[in-house]
ModelCIF file with pLDDT and N, C-alpha, C, O atoms, coordinates in Angstrom:
data_MODEL
#
_entry.id   MODEL 
#
_entity.id                         1 
_entity.type                       polymer 
_entity.pdbx_number_of_molecules   1 
#
_entity_poly.entity_id                      1 
_entity_poly.type                           'polypeptide(L)' 
_entity_poly.nstd_linkage                   no 
_entity_poly.nstd_monomer                   no 
_entity_poly.pdbx_seq_one_letter_code       RRILANLASDGLPREPLDMMSVEIYDADRKPLFELRLALQEIV 
_entity_poly.pdbx_seq_one_letter_code_can   RRILANLASDGLPREPLDMMSVEIYDADRKPLFELRLALQEIV 
_entity_poly.pdbx_strand_id                 A 
#
loop_
_entity_poly_seq.entity_id 
_entity_poly_seq.num 
_entity_poly_seq.mon_id 
_entity_poly_seq.hetero 
1 1  ARG n 
1 2  ARG n 
1 3  ILE n 
1 4  LEU n 
1 5  ALA n 
1 6  ASN n 
1 7  LEU n 
1 8  ALA n 
1 9  SER n 
1 10 ASP n 
1 11 GLY n 
1 12 LEU n 
1 13 PRO n 
1 14 ARG n 
1 15 GLU n 
1 16 PRO n 
1 17 LEU n 
1 18 ASP n 
1 19 MET n 
1 20 MET n 
1 21 SER n 
1 22 VAL n 
1 23 GLU n 
1 24 ILE n 
1 25 TYR n 
1 26 ASP n 
1 27 ALA n 
1 28 ASP n 
1 29 ARG n 
1 30 LYS n 
1 31 PRO n 
1 32 LEU n 
1 33 PHE n 
1 34 GLU n 
1 35 LEU n 
1 36 ARG n 
1 37 LEU n 
1 38 ALA n 
1 39 LEU n 
1 40 GLN n 
1 41 GLU n 
1 42 ILE n 
1 43 VAL n 
#
_struct_asym.id          A 
_struct_asym.entity_id   1 
#
loop_
_ma_qa_metric.id 
_ma_qa_metric.mode 
_ma_qa_metric.name 
_ma_qa_metric.software_group_id 
_ma_qa_metric.type 
1 global pLDDT . pLDDT 
2 local  pLDDT . pLDDT 
#
_ma_qa_metric_global.metric_id      1 
_ma_qa_metric_global.metric_value   90.93 
_ma_qa_metric_global.model_id       1 
_ma_qa_metric_global.ordinal_id     1 
#
loop_
_ma_qa_metric_local.label_asym_id 
_ma_qa_metric_local.label_comp_id 
_ma_qa_metric_local.label_seq_id 
_ma_qa_metric_local.metric_id 
_ma_qa_metric_local.metric_value 
_ma_qa_metric_local.model_id 
_ma_qa_metric_local.ordinal_id 
A ARG 1  2 97.00 1 1  
A ARG 2  2 96.00 1 2  
A ILE 3  2 94.00 1 3  
A LEU 4  2 93.00 1 4  
A ALA 5  2 94.00 1 5  
A ASN 6  2 92.00 1 6  
A LEU 7  2 89.00 1 7  
A ALA 8  2 90.00 1 8  
A SER 9  2 89.00 1 9  
A ASP 10 2 85.00 1 10 
A GLY 11 2 83.00 1 11 
A LEU 12 2 81.00 1 12 
A PRO 13 2 81.00 1 13 
A ARG 14 2 79.00 1 14 
A GLU 15 2 80.00 1 15 
A PRO 16 2 78.00 1 16 
A LEU 17 2 77.00 1 17 
A ASP 18 2 88.00 1 18 
A MET 19 2 91.00 1 19 
A MET 20 2 92.00 1 20 
A SER 21 2 95.00 1 21 
A VAL 22 2 96.00 1 22 
A GLU 23 2 96.00 1 23 
A ILE 24 2 97.00 1 24 
A TYR 25 2 96.00 1 25 
A ASP 26 2 95.00 1 26 
A ALA 27 2 94.00 1 27 
A ASP 28 2 95.00 1 28 
A ARG 29 2 93.00 1 29 
A LYS 30 2 96.00 1 30 
A PRO 31 2 95.00 1 31 
A LEU 32 2 97.00 1 32 
A PHE 33 2 96.00 1 33 
A GLU 34 2 96.00 1 34 
A LEU 35 2 97.00 1 35 
A ARG 36 2 95.00 1 36 
A LEU 37 2 93.00 1 37 
A ALA 38 2 92.00 1 38 
A LEU 39 2 88.00 1 39 
A GLN 40 2 88.00 1 40 
A GLU 41 2 86.00 1 41 
A ILE 42 2 90.00 1 42 
A VAL 43 2 95.00 1 43 
#
loop_
_atom_site.group_PDB 
_atom_site.id 
_atom_site.type_symbol 
_atom_site.label_atom_id 
_atom_site.label_alt_id 
_atom_site.label_comp_id 
_atom_site.label_asym_id 
_atom_site.label_entity_id 
_atom_site.label_seq_id 
_atom_site.pdbx_PDB_ins_code 
_atom_site.Cartn_x 
_atom_site.Cartn_y 
_atom_site.Cartn_z 
_atom_site.occupancy 
_atom_site.B_iso_or_equiv 
_atom_site.pdbx_formal_charge 
_atom_site.auth_seq_id 
_atom_site.auth_comp_id 
_atom_site.auth_asym_id 
_atom_site.auth_atom_id 
_atom_site.pdbx_PDB_model_num 
ATOM 1   N N  . ARG A 1 1  ? 1.170  0.643  -3.958  1.00 97.00 ? 1  ARG A N  1 
ATOM 2   C CA . ARG A 1 1  ? -0.371 1.038  -3.455  1.00 97.00 ? 1  ARG A CA 1 
ATOM 3   C C  . ARG A 1 1  ? -0.852 0.119  -2.433  1.00 97.00 ? 1  ARG A C  1 
ATOM 4   O O  . ARG A 1 1  ? -1.275 0.393  -1.310  1.00 97.00 ? 1  ARG A O  1 
ATOM 5   N N  . ARG A 1 2  ? -0.721 -1.016 -2.997  1.00 96.00 ? 2  ARG A N  1 
ATOM 6   C CA . ARG A 1 2  ? -1.096 -2.023 -1.967  1.00 96.00 ? 2  ARG A CA 1 
ATOM 7   C C  . ARG A 1 2  ? -0.421 -1.999 -0.579  1.00 96.00 ? 2  ARG A C  1 
ATOM 8   O O  . ARG A 1 2  ? -0.988 -1.934 0.512   1.00 96.00 ? 2  ARG A O  1 
ATOM 9   N N  . ILE A 1 3  ? 0.857  -2.063 -0.826  1.00 94.00 ? 3  ILE A N  1 
ATOM 10  C CA . ILE A 1 3  ? 1.630  -1.993 0.559   1.00 94.00 ? 3  ILE A CA 1 
ATOM 11  C C  . ILE A 1 3  ? 1.294  -0.803 1.336   1.00 94.00 ? 3  ILE A C  1 
ATOM 12  O O  . ILE A 1 3  ? 1.112  -0.892 2.551   1.00 94.00 ? 3  ILE A O  1 
ATOM 13  N N  . LEU A 1 4  ? 1.196  0.372  0.672   1.00 93.00 ? 4  LEU A N  1 
ATOM 14  C CA . LEU A 1 4  ? 0.865  1.469  1.338   1.00 93.00 ? 4  LEU A CA 1 
ATOM 15  C C  . LEU A 1 4  ? -0.716 1.414  2.114   1.00 93.00 ? 4  LEU A C  1 
ATOM 16  O O  . LEU A 1 4  ? -0.910 1.978  3.191   1.00 93.00 ? 4  LEU A O  1 
ATOM 17  N N  . ALA A 1 5  ? -1.511 0.842  1.569   1.00 94.00 ? 5  ALA A N  1 
ATOM 18  C CA . ALA A 1 5  ? -2.980 0.444  1.969   1.00 94.00 ? 5  ALA A CA 1 
ATOM 19  C C  . ALA A 1 5  ? -2.714 -0.454 3.221   1.00 94.00 ? 5  ALA A C  1 
ATOM 20  O O  . ALA A 1 5  ? -3.359 -0.267 4.253   1.00 94.00 ? 5  ALA A O  1 
ATOM 21  N N  . ASN A 1 6  ? -1.763 -1.429 3.125   1.00 92.00 ? 6  ASN A N  1 
ATOM 22  C CA . ASN A 1 6  ? -1.627 -2.230 4.139   1.00 92.00 ? 6  ASN A CA 1 
ATOM 23  C C  . ASN A 1 6  ? -1.015 -1.728 5.391   1.00 92.00 ? 6  ASN A C  1 
ATOM 24  O O  . ASN A 1 6  ? -1.277 -2.230 6.485   1.00 92.00 ? 6  ASN A O  1 
ATOM 25  N N  . LEU A 1 7  ? -0.277 -0.831 5.243   1.00 89.00 ? 7  LEU A N  1 
ATOM 26  C CA . LEU A 1 7  ? 0.512  0.041  6.282   1.00 89.00 ? 7  LEU A CA 1 
ATOM 27  C C  . LEU A 1 7  ? -0.512 0.851  6.870   1.00 89.00 ? 7  LEU A C  1 
ATOM 28  O O  . LEU A 1 7  ? -0.421 1.130  8.066   1.00 89.00 ? 7  LEU A O  1 
ATOM 29  N N  . ALA A 1 8  ? -1.641 1.336  6.068   1.00 90.00 ? 8  ALA A N  1 
ATOM 30  C CA . ALA A 1 8  ? -2.519 2.210  6.735   1.00 90.00 ? 8  ALA A CA 1 
ATOM 31  C C  . ALA A 1 8  ? -3.578 1.602  7.598   1.00 90.00 ? 8  ALA A C  1 
ATOM 32  O O  . ALA A 1 8  ? -4.180 2.171  8.509   1.00 90.00 ? 8  ALA A O  1 
ATOM 33  N N  . SER A 1 9  ? -3.749 0.171  7.125   1.00 89.00 ? 9  SER A N  1 
ATOM 34  C CA . SER A 1 9  ? -4.494 -0.634 8.011   1.00 89.00 ? 9  SER A CA 1 
ATOM 35  C C  . SER A 1 9  ? -4.137 -0.870 9.236   1.00 89.00 ? 9  SER A C  1 
ATOM 36  O O  . SER A 1 9  ? -4.988 -1.205 10.060  1.00 89.00 ? 9  SER A O  1 
ATOM 37  N N  . ASP A 1 10 ? -2.896 -0.746 9.553   1.00 85.00 ? 10 ASP A N  1 
ATOM 38  C CA . ASP A 1 10 ? -2.345 -0.948 10.895  1.00 85.00 ? 10 ASP A CA 1 
ATOM 39  C C  . ASP A 1 10 ? -2.431 0.324  11.713  1.00 85.00 ? 10 ASP A C  1 
ATOM 40  O O  . ASP A 1 10 ? -2.023 0.315  12.874  1.00 85.00 ? 10 ASP A O  1 
ATOM 41  N N  . GLY A 1 11 ? -2.891 1.312  11.220  1.00 83.00 ? 11 GLY A N  1 
ATOM 42  C CA . GLY A 1 11 ? -3.211 2.604  11.921  1.00 83.00 ? 11 GLY A CA 1 
ATOM 43  C C  . GLY A 1 11 ? -2.635 3.994  11.074  1.00 83.00 ? 11 GLY A C  1 
ATOM 44  O O  . GLY A 1 11 ? -1.737 4.025  10.233  1.00 83.00 ? 11 GLY A O  1 
ATOM 45  N N  . LEU A 1 12 ? -3.422 5.063  11.568  1.00 81.00 ? 12 LEU A N  1 
ATOM 46  C CA . LEU A 1 12 ? -2.999 6.230  10.670  1.00 81.00 ? 12 LEU A CA 1 
ATOM 47  C C  . LEU A 1 12 ? -1.393 6.611  11.062  1.00 81.00 ? 12 LEU A C  1 
ATOM 48  O O  . LEU A 1 12 ? -0.763 6.019  11.938  1.00 81.00 ? 12 LEU A O  1 
ATOM 49  N N  . PRO A 1 13 ? -0.910 7.617  10.310  1.00 81.00 ? 13 PRO A N  1 
ATOM 50  C CA . PRO A 1 13 ? 0.406  8.094  10.762  1.00 81.00 ? 13 PRO A CA 1 
ATOM 51  C C  . PRO A 1 13 ? 0.519  8.889  11.946  1.00 81.00 ? 13 PRO A C  1 
ATOM 52  O O  . PRO A 1 13 ? -0.418 9.638  12.222  1.00 81.00 ? 13 PRO A O  1 
ATOM 53  N N  . ARG A 1 14 ? 1.573  8.838  12.722  1.00 79.00 ? 14 ARG A N  1 
ATOM 54  C CA . ARG A 1 14 ? 1.656  9.657  13.897  1.00 79.00 ? 14 ARG A CA 1 
ATOM 55  C C  . ARG A 1 14 ? 2.701  10.558 13.900  1.00 79.00 ? 14 ARG A C  1 
ATOM 56  O O  . ARG A 1 14 ? 3.615  10.480 13.079  1.00 79.00 ? 14 ARG A O  1 
ATOM 57  N N  . GLU A 1 15 ? 2.635  11.549 14.896  1.00 80.00 ? 15 GLU A N  1 
ATOM 58  C CA . GLU A 1 15 ? 3.848  12.438 15.124  1.00 80.00 ? 15 GLU A CA 1 
ATOM 59  C C  . GLU A 1 15 ? 5.043  11.629 15.430  1.00 80.00 ? 15 GLU A C  1 
ATOM 60  O O  . GLU A 1 15 ? 5.023  10.530 15.985  1.00 80.00 ? 15 GLU A O  1 
ATOM 61  N N  . PRO A 1 16 ? 6.143  12.303 14.996  1.00 78.00 ? 16 PRO A N  1 
ATOM 62  C CA . PRO A 1 16 ? 6.332  13.414 14.470  1.00 78.00 ? 16 PRO A CA 1 
ATOM 63  C C  . PRO A 1 16 ? 6.471  13.409 12.865  1.00 78.00 ? 16 PRO A C  1 
ATOM 64  O O  . PRO A 1 16 ? 6.617  14.436 12.203  1.00 78.00 ? 16 PRO A O  1 
ATOM 65  N N  . LEU A 1 17 ? 6.413  12.257 12.398  1.00 77.00 ? 17 LEU A N  1 
ATOM 66  C CA . LEU A 1 17 ? 6.282  12.207 10.809  1.00 77.00 ? 17 LEU A CA 1 
ATOM 67  C C  . LEU A 1 17 ? 4.936  12.611 10.137  1.00 77.00 ? 17 LEU A C  1 
ATOM 68  O O  . LEU A 1 17 ? 4.877  13.261 9.093   1.00 77.00 ? 17 LEU A O  1 
ATOM 69  N N  . ASP A 1 18 ? 3.803  12.136 10.880  1.00 88.00 ? 18 ASP A N  1 
ATOM 70  C CA . ASP A 1 18 ? 2.480  12.439 10.362  1.00 88.00 ? 18 ASP A CA 1 
ATOM 71  C C  . ASP A 1 18 ? 2.510  11.823 8.787   1.00 88.00 ? 18 ASP A C  1 
ATOM 72  O O  . ASP A 1 18 ? 1.861  12.425 7.931   1.00 88.00 ? 18 ASP A O  1 
ATOM 73  N N  . MET A 1 19 ? 3.142  10.824 8.486   1.00 91.00 ? 19 MET A N  1 
ATOM 74  C CA . MET A 1 19 ? 3.073  10.396 7.298   1.00 91.00 ? 19 MET A CA 1 
ATOM 75  C C  . MET A 1 19 ? 3.597  8.834  7.125   1.00 91.00 ? 19 MET A C  1 
ATOM 76  O O  . MET A 1 19 ? 4.193  8.315  8.068   1.00 91.00 ? 19 MET A O  1 
ATOM 77  N N  . MET A 1 20 ? 3.368  8.110  5.925   1.00 92.00 ? 20 MET A N  1 
ATOM 78  C CA . MET A 1 20 ? 3.806  6.883  5.769   1.00 92.00 ? 20 MET A CA 1 
ATOM 79  C C  . MET A 1 20 ? 4.069  6.884  4.255   1.00 92.00 ? 20 MET A C  1 
ATOM 80  O O  . MET A 1 20 ? 3.446  7.591  3.463   1.00 92.00 ? 20 MET A O  1 
ATOM 81  N N  . SER A 1 21 ? 5.071  6.006  3.919   1.00 95.00 ? 21 SER A N  1 
ATOM 82  C CA . SER A 1 21 ? 5.499  6.055  2.566   1.00 95.00 ? 21 SER A CA 1 
ATOM 83  C C  . SER A 1 21 ? 5.964  4.705  2.048   1.00 95.00 ? 21 SER A C  1 
ATOM 84  O O  . SER A 1 21 ? 6.423  3.867  2.824   1.00 95.00 ? 21 SER A O  1 
ATOM 85  N N  . VAL A 1 22 ? 5.831  4.452  0.543   1.00 96.00 ? 22 VAL A N  1 
ATOM 86  C CA . VAL A 1 22 ? 6.568  3.388  -0.095  1.00 96.00 ? 22 VAL A CA 1 
ATOM 87  C C  . VAL A 1 22 ? 7.231  4.007  -1.110  1.00 96.00 ? 22 VAL A C  1 
ATOM 88  O O  . VAL A 1 22 ? 6.646  4.808  -1.840  1.00 96.00 ? 22 VAL A O  1 
ATOM 89  N N  . GLU A 1 23 ? 8.593  3.684  -1.267  1.00 96.00 ? 23 GLU A N  1 
ATOM 90  C CA . GLU A 1 23 ? 9.510  4.242  -2.225  1.00 96.00 ? 23 GLU A CA 1 
ATOM 91  C C  . GLU A 1 23 ? 9.705  3.230  -3.149  1.00 96.00 ? 23 GLU A C  1 
ATOM 92  O O  . GLU A 1 23 ? 9.986  2.153  -2.623  1.00 96.00 ? 23 GLU A O  1 
ATOM 93  N N  . ILE A 1 24 ? 9.640  3.229  -4.494  1.00 97.00 ? 24 ILE A N  1 
ATOM 94  C CA . ILE A 1 24 ? 9.924  2.253  -5.312  1.00 97.00 ? 24 ILE A CA 1 
ATOM 95  C C  . ILE A 1 24 ? 11.145 2.459  -6.151  1.00 97.00 ? 24 ILE A C  1 
ATOM 96  O O  . ILE A 1 24 ? 11.331 3.549  -6.693  1.00 97.00 ? 24 ILE A O  1 
ATOM 97  N N  . TYR A 1 25 ? 12.025 1.422  -6.291  1.00 96.00 ? 25 TYR A N  1 
ATOM 98  C CA . TYR A 1 25 ? 13.431 1.552  -6.972  1.00 96.00 ? 25 TYR A CA 1 
ATOM 99  C C  . TYR A 1 25 ? 13.699 0.590  -8.143  1.00 96.00 ? 25 TYR A C  1 
ATOM 100 O O  . TYR A 1 25 ? 13.226 -0.532 -7.963  1.00 96.00 ? 25 TYR A O  1 
ATOM 101 N N  . ASP A 1 26 ? 14.307 0.765  -9.221  1.00 95.00 ? 26 ASP A N  1 
ATOM 102 C CA . ASP A 1 26 ? 14.418 -0.200 -10.262 1.00 95.00 ? 26 ASP A CA 1 
ATOM 103 C C  . ASP A 1 26 ? 15.560 -1.312 -9.728  1.00 95.00 ? 26 ASP A C  1 
ATOM 104 O O  . ASP A 1 26 ? 15.947 -1.478 -8.572  1.00 95.00 ? 26 ASP A O  1 
ATOM 105 N N  . ALA A 1 27 ? 15.936 -1.958 -10.844 1.00 94.00 ? 27 ALA A N  1 
ATOM 106 C CA . ALA A 1 27 ? 17.067 -3.040 -10.658 1.00 94.00 ? 27 ALA A CA 1 
ATOM 107 C C  . ALA A 1 27 ? 18.372 -2.340 -10.115 1.00 94.00 ? 27 ALA A C  1 
ATOM 108 O O  . ALA A 1 27 ? 19.049 -2.932 -9.274  1.00 94.00 ? 27 ALA A O  1 
ATOM 109 N N  . ASP A 1 28 ? 18.689 -1.272 -10.510 1.00 95.00 ? 28 ASP A N  1 
ATOM 110 C CA . ASP A 1 28 ? 19.986 -0.488 -10.112 1.00 95.00 ? 28 ASP A CA 1 
ATOM 111 C C  . ASP A 1 28 ? 19.645 0.318  -8.928  1.00 95.00 ? 28 ASP A C  1 
ATOM 112 O O  . ASP A 1 28 ? 20.528 1.068  -8.510  1.00 95.00 ? 28 ASP A O  1 
ATOM 113 N N  . ARG A 1 29 ? 18.652 0.294  -8.394  1.00 93.00 ? 29 ARG A N  1 
ATOM 114 C CA . ARG A 1 29 ? 18.141 0.848  -6.905  1.00 93.00 ? 29 ARG A CA 1 
ATOM 115 C C  . ARG A 1 29 ? 18.073 2.454  -7.386  1.00 93.00 ? 29 ARG A C  1 
ATOM 116 O O  . ARG A 1 29 ? 18.363 3.318  -6.558  1.00 93.00 ? 29 ARG A O  1 
ATOM 117 N N  . LYS A 1 30 ? 17.773 2.741  -8.435  1.00 96.00 ? 30 LYS A N  1 
ATOM 118 C CA . LYS A 1 30 ? 17.517 4.237  -9.067  1.00 96.00 ? 30 LYS A CA 1 
ATOM 119 C C  . LYS A 1 30 ? 16.027 4.338  -8.540  1.00 96.00 ? 30 LYS A C  1 
ATOM 120 O O  . LYS A 1 30 ? 15.193 3.469  -8.796  1.00 96.00 ? 30 LYS A O  1 
ATOM 121 N N  . PRO A 1 31 ? 15.738 5.544  -7.732  1.00 95.00 ? 31 PRO A N  1 
ATOM 122 C CA . PRO A 1 31 ? 14.320 5.740  -7.294  1.00 95.00 ? 31 PRO A CA 1 
ATOM 123 C C  . PRO A 1 31 ? 13.481 6.108  -8.501  1.00 95.00 ? 31 PRO A C  1 
ATOM 124 O O  . PRO A 1 31 ? 13.918 6.845  -9.384  1.00 95.00 ? 31 PRO A O  1 
ATOM 125 N N  . LEU A 1 32 ? 12.084 5.500  -8.523  1.00 97.00 ? 32 LEU A N  1 
ATOM 126 C CA . LEU A 1 32 ? 11.218 5.506  -9.616  1.00 97.00 ? 32 LEU A CA 1 
ATOM 127 C C  . LEU A 1 32 ? 10.184 6.305  -9.220  1.00 97.00 ? 32 LEU A C  1 
ATOM 128 O O  . LEU A 1 32 ? 9.921  7.313  -9.876  1.00 97.00 ? 32 LEU A O  1 
ATOM 129 N N  . PHE A 1 33 ? 9.394  5.932  -7.993  1.00 96.00 ? 33 PHE A N  1 
ATOM 130 C CA . PHE A 1 33 ? 8.231  6.664  -7.465  1.00 96.00 ? 33 PHE A CA 1 
ATOM 131 C C  . PHE A 1 33 ? 8.323  6.655  -5.888  1.00 96.00 ? 33 PHE A C  1 
ATOM 132 O O  . PHE A 1 33 ? 9.082  5.883  -5.303  1.00 96.00 ? 33 PHE A O  1 
ATOM 133 N N  . GLU A 1 34 ? 7.480  7.586  -5.212  1.00 96.00 ? 34 GLU A N  1 
ATOM 134 C CA . GLU A 1 34 ? 7.274  7.610  -4.024  1.00 96.00 ? 34 GLU A CA 1 
ATOM 135 C C  . GLU A 1 34 ? 5.908  7.722  -3.664  1.00 96.00 ? 34 GLU A C  1 
ATOM 136 O O  . GLU A 1 34 ? 5.361  8.771  -4.005  1.00 96.00 ? 34 GLU A O  1 
ATOM 137 N N  . LEU A 1 35 ? 5.239  6.893  -3.062  1.00 97.00 ? 35 LEU A N  1 
ATOM 138 C CA . LEU A 1 35 ? 3.923  6.874  -2.748  1.00 97.00 ? 35 LEU A CA 1 
ATOM 139 C C  . LEU A 1 35 ? 3.619  7.477  -1.495  1.00 97.00 ? 35 LEU A C  1 
ATOM 140 O O  . LEU A 1 35 ? 4.183  6.777  -0.654  1.00 97.00 ? 35 LEU A O  1 
ATOM 141 N N  . ARG A 1 36 ? 2.933  8.547  -0.853  1.00 95.00 ? 36 ARG A N  1 
ATOM 142 C CA . ARG A 1 36 ? 2.940  8.899  0.338   1.00 95.00 ? 36 ARG A CA 1 
ATOM 143 C C  . ARG A 1 36 ? 1.540  9.134  0.899   1.00 95.00 ? 36 ARG A C  1 
ATOM 144 O O  . ARG A 1 36 ? 0.664  9.642  0.199   1.00 95.00 ? 36 ARG A O  1 
ATOM 145 N N  . LEU A 1 37 ? 1.344  8.792  2.065   1.00 93.00 ? 37 LEU A N  1 
ATOM 146 C CA . LEU A 1 37 ? 0.059  9.132  2.918   1.00 93.00 ? 37 LEU A CA 1 
ATOM 147 C C  . LEU A 1 37 ? 0.307  9.936  3.828   1.00 93.00 ? 37 LEU A C  1 
ATOM 148 O O  . LEU A 1 37 ? 1.012  9.524  4.749   1.00 93.00 ? 37 LEU A O  1 
ATOM 149 N N  . ALA A 1 38 ? -0.194 11.350 3.862   1.00 92.00 ? 38 ALA A N  1 
ATOM 150 C CA . ALA A 1 38 ? 0.051  12.126 4.958   1.00 92.00 ? 38 ALA A CA 1 
ATOM 151 C C  . ALA A 1 38 ? -1.057 12.502 5.779   1.00 92.00 ? 38 ALA A C  1 
ATOM 152 O O  . ALA A 1 38 ? -2.129 12.668 5.198   1.00 92.00 ? 38 ALA A O  1 
ATOM 153 N N  . LEU A 1 39 ? -1.003 12.683 7.125   1.00 88.00 ? 39 LEU A N  1 
ATOM 154 C CA . LEU A 1 39 ? -1.973 13.222 7.878   1.00 88.00 ? 39 LEU A CA 1 
ATOM 155 C C  . LEU A 1 39 ? -1.780 14.625 8.210   1.00 88.00 ? 39 LEU A C  1 
ATOM 156 O O  . LEU A 1 39 ? -0.705 15.028 8.656   1.00 88.00 ? 39 LEU A O  1 
ATOM 157 N N  . GLN A 1 40 ? -2.823 15.414 8.002   1.00 88.00 ? 40 GLN A N  1 
ATOM 158 C CA . GLN A 1 40 ? -2.658 16.796 8.346   1.00 88.00 ? 40 GLN A CA 1 
ATOM 159 C C  . GLN A 1 40 ? -3.658 17.039 9.268   1.00 88.00 ? 40 GLN A C  1 
ATOM 160 O O  . GLN A 1 40 ? -4.760 16.496 9.188   1.00 88.00 ? 40 GLN A O  1 
ATOM 161 N N  . GLU A 1 41 ? -3.287 17.981 10.319  1.00 86.00 ? 41 GLU A N  1 
ATOM 162 C CA . GLU A 1 41 ? -4.218 18.505 11.172  1.00 86.00 ? 41 GLU A CA 1 
ATOM 163 C C  . GLU A 1 41 ? -4.411 19.866 10.981  1.00 86.00 ? 41 GLU A C  1 
ATOM 164 O O  . GLU A 1 41 ? -3.408 20.578 10.932  1.00 86.00 ? 41 GLU A O  1 
ATOM 165 N N  . ILE A 1 42 ? -5.553 20.380 10.861  1.00 90.00 ? 42 ILE A N  1 
ATOM 166 C CA . ILE A 1 42 ? -5.797 21.832 10.707  1.00 90.00 ? 42 ILE A CA 1 
ATOM 167 C C  . ILE A 1 42 ? -6.828 22.610 11.725  1.00 90.00 ? 42 ILE A C  1 
ATOM 168 O O  . ILE A 1 42 ? -8.053 22.496 11.681  1.00 90.00 ? 42 ILE A O  1 
ATOM 169 N N  . VAL A 1 43 ? -6.222 23.276 12.484  1.00 95.00 ? 43 VAL A N  1 
ATOM 170 C CA . VAL A 1 43 ? -6.814 23.995 13.395  1.00 95.00 ? 43 VAL A CA 1 
ATOM 171 C C  . VAL A 1 43 ? -7.935 24.964 12.860  1.00 95.00 ? 43 VAL A C  1 
ATOM 172 O O  . VAL A 1 43 ? -8.553 25.685 13.643  1.00 95.00 ? 43 VAL A O  1 
#
């Protein structure tokens, strides 16, 4: 979460992804969590 906040402090997500994320893996590199910040534009 701290890493994701630090990424966001550099600026909001841009197209084409419109998101930023941090994936966390265990020692065997098995995925445990994905934390994602997405920017949605609603017309």
